[in-house]
C-alpha atoms as a PDB file:
ATOM      1  CA  MET A   1     -26.627  -1.470  22.272  1.00  0.00           C
ATOM      2  CA  ARG A   2     -28.818  -0.538  25.157  1.00  0.00           C
ATOM      3  CA  PRO A   3     -32.037   1.349  24.404  1.00  0.00           C
ATOM      4  CA  GLU A   4     -30.893   4.336  26.499  1.00  0.00           C
ATOM      5  CA  TYR A   5     -27.926   4.971  24.186  1.00  0.00           C
ATOM      6  CA  ASP A   6     -28.890   7.611  21.664  1.00  0.00           C
ATOM      7  CA  PHE A   7     -26.550   8.067  18.714  1.00  0.00           C
ATOM      8  CA  THR A   8     -29.040   9.898  16.487  1.00  0.00           C
ATOM      9  CA  SER A   9     -27.306  13.246  17.069  1.00  0.00           C
ATOM     10  CA  MET A  10     -24.018  11.957  15.637  1.00  0.00           C
ATOM     11  CA  ALA A  11     -23.554  13.612  12.256  1.00  0.00           C
ATOM     12  CA  GLY A  12     -22.615  11.133   9.556  1.00  0.00           C
ATOM     13  CA  GLY A  13     -21.925   8.202  11.880  1.00  0.00           C
ATOM     14  CA  VAL A  14     -22.207   4.802  10.206  1.00  0.00           C
ATOM     15  CA  ARG A  15     -22.340   1.653  12.315  1.00  0.00           C
ATOM     16  CA  GLY A  16     -19.839  -0.966  11.134  1.00  0.00           C
ATOM     17  CA  LYS A  17     -18.253   1.298   8.525  1.00  0.00           C
ATOM     18  CA  TYR A  18     -14.830  -0.365   8.818  1.00  0.00           C
ATOM     19  CA  TYR A  19     -15.972  -3.796  10.000  1.00  0.00           C
ATOM     20  CA  LYS A  20     -15.357  -5.764   6.797  1.00  0.00           C
ATOM     21  CA  ALA A  21     -11.990  -4.140   6.101  1.00  0.00           C
ATOM     22  CA  TYR A  22     -10.778  -4.789   9.650  1.00  0.00           C
ATOM     23  CA  ARG A  23     -11.937  -8.412   9.616  1.00  0.00           C
ATOM     24  CA  ALA A  24     -10.125  -8.922   6.296  1.00  0.00           C
ATOM     25  CA  GLY A  25      -6.835  -8.107   8.032  1.00  0.00           C
ATOM     26  CA  HIS A  26      -4.311  -5.327   8.217  1.00  0.00           C
ATOM     27  CA  THR A  27      -0.587  -4.838   7.783  1.00  0.00           C
ATOM     28  CA  VAL A  28       1.691  -3.059  10.231  1.00  0.00           C
ATOM     29  CA  LYS A  29       5.065  -1.801   9.011  1.00  0.00           C
ATOM     30  CA  ILE A  30       7.699  -0.810  11.549  1.00  0.00           C
ATOM     31  CA  HIS A  31      10.521   1.325  10.152  1.00  0.00           C
ATOM     32  CA  LYS A  32      13.583   0.989  12.349  1.00  0.00           C
ATOM     33  CA  ALA A  33      16.393   3.485  12.881  1.00  0.00           C
ATOM     34  CA  ASP A  34      18.898   1.182  11.133  1.00  0.00           C
ATOM     35  CA  GLY A  35      16.902   1.440   7.893  1.00  0.00           C
ATOM     36  CA  THR A  36      15.243  -1.974   8.064  1.00  0.00           C
ATOM     37  CA  THR A  37      11.504  -2.523   8.006  1.00  0.00           C
ATOM     38  CA  THR A  38       9.553  -5.203   9.841  1.00  0.00           C
ATOM     39  CA  VAL A  39       6.189  -6.151   8.339  1.00  0.00           C
ATOM     40  CA  GLN A  40       3.490  -7.979  10.299  1.00  0.00           C
ATOM     41  CA  TYR A  41       0.135  -9.055   8.912  1.00  0.00           C
ATOM     42  CA  PHE A  42      -2.790  -9.493  11.301  1.00  0.00           C
ATOM     43  CA  THR A  43      -6.136 -11.201  10.808  1.00  0.00           C
ATOM     44  CA  LEU A  44      -8.826 -12.219  13.263  1.00  0.00           C
ATOM     45  CA  GLU A  45      -9.886 -15.839  13.285  1.00  0.00           C
ATOM     46  CA  GLU A  46     -13.530 -16.541  12.517  1.00  0.00           C
ATOM     47  CA  GLY A  47     -15.616 -15.827  15.599  1.00  0.00           C
ATOM     48  CA  ALA A  48     -12.773 -14.023  17.387  1.00  0.00           C
ATOM     49  CA  VAL A  49     -13.550 -10.945  19.466  1.00  0.00           C
ATOM     50  CA  MET A  50     -11.081  -8.083  19.927  1.00  0.00           C
ATOM     51  CA  LEU A  51     -10.662  -7.104  23.591  1.00  0.00           C
ATOM     52  CA  GLU A  52      -9.312  -3.862  24.992  1.00  0.00           C
ATOM     53  CA  PRO A  53      -5.860  -4.226  26.652  1.00  0.00           C
ATOM     54  CA  ASP A  54      -7.158  -3.694  30.203  1.00  0.00           C
ATOM     55  CA  VAL A  55      -9.773  -6.432  29.736  1.00  0.00           C
ATOM     56  CA  ARG A  56      -7.272  -8.766  28.052  1.00  0.00           C
ATOM     57  CA  GLU A  57      -5.272  -8.932  31.328  1.00  0.00           C
ATOM     58  CA  TYR A  58      -7.978 -11.169  32.761  1.00  0.00           C
ATOM     59  CA  PHE A  59      -8.348 -13.510  29.770  1.00  0.00           C
ATOM     60  CA  SER A  60      -5.369 -15.433  28.441  1.00  0.00           C
END
């Protein structure tokens, strides 16, 4: 973070609070109208960086 960013006024903020859980992976369940459920499990490869969708357009 840049030195000019000041997060000291944020009440209860914890840097990296969900980092380990997110890196471990997460499951997405999609419940469809016909009663079926699709389950997808996502993990990030070691060293991978998550990009925002608008940035991802420029990097395949």
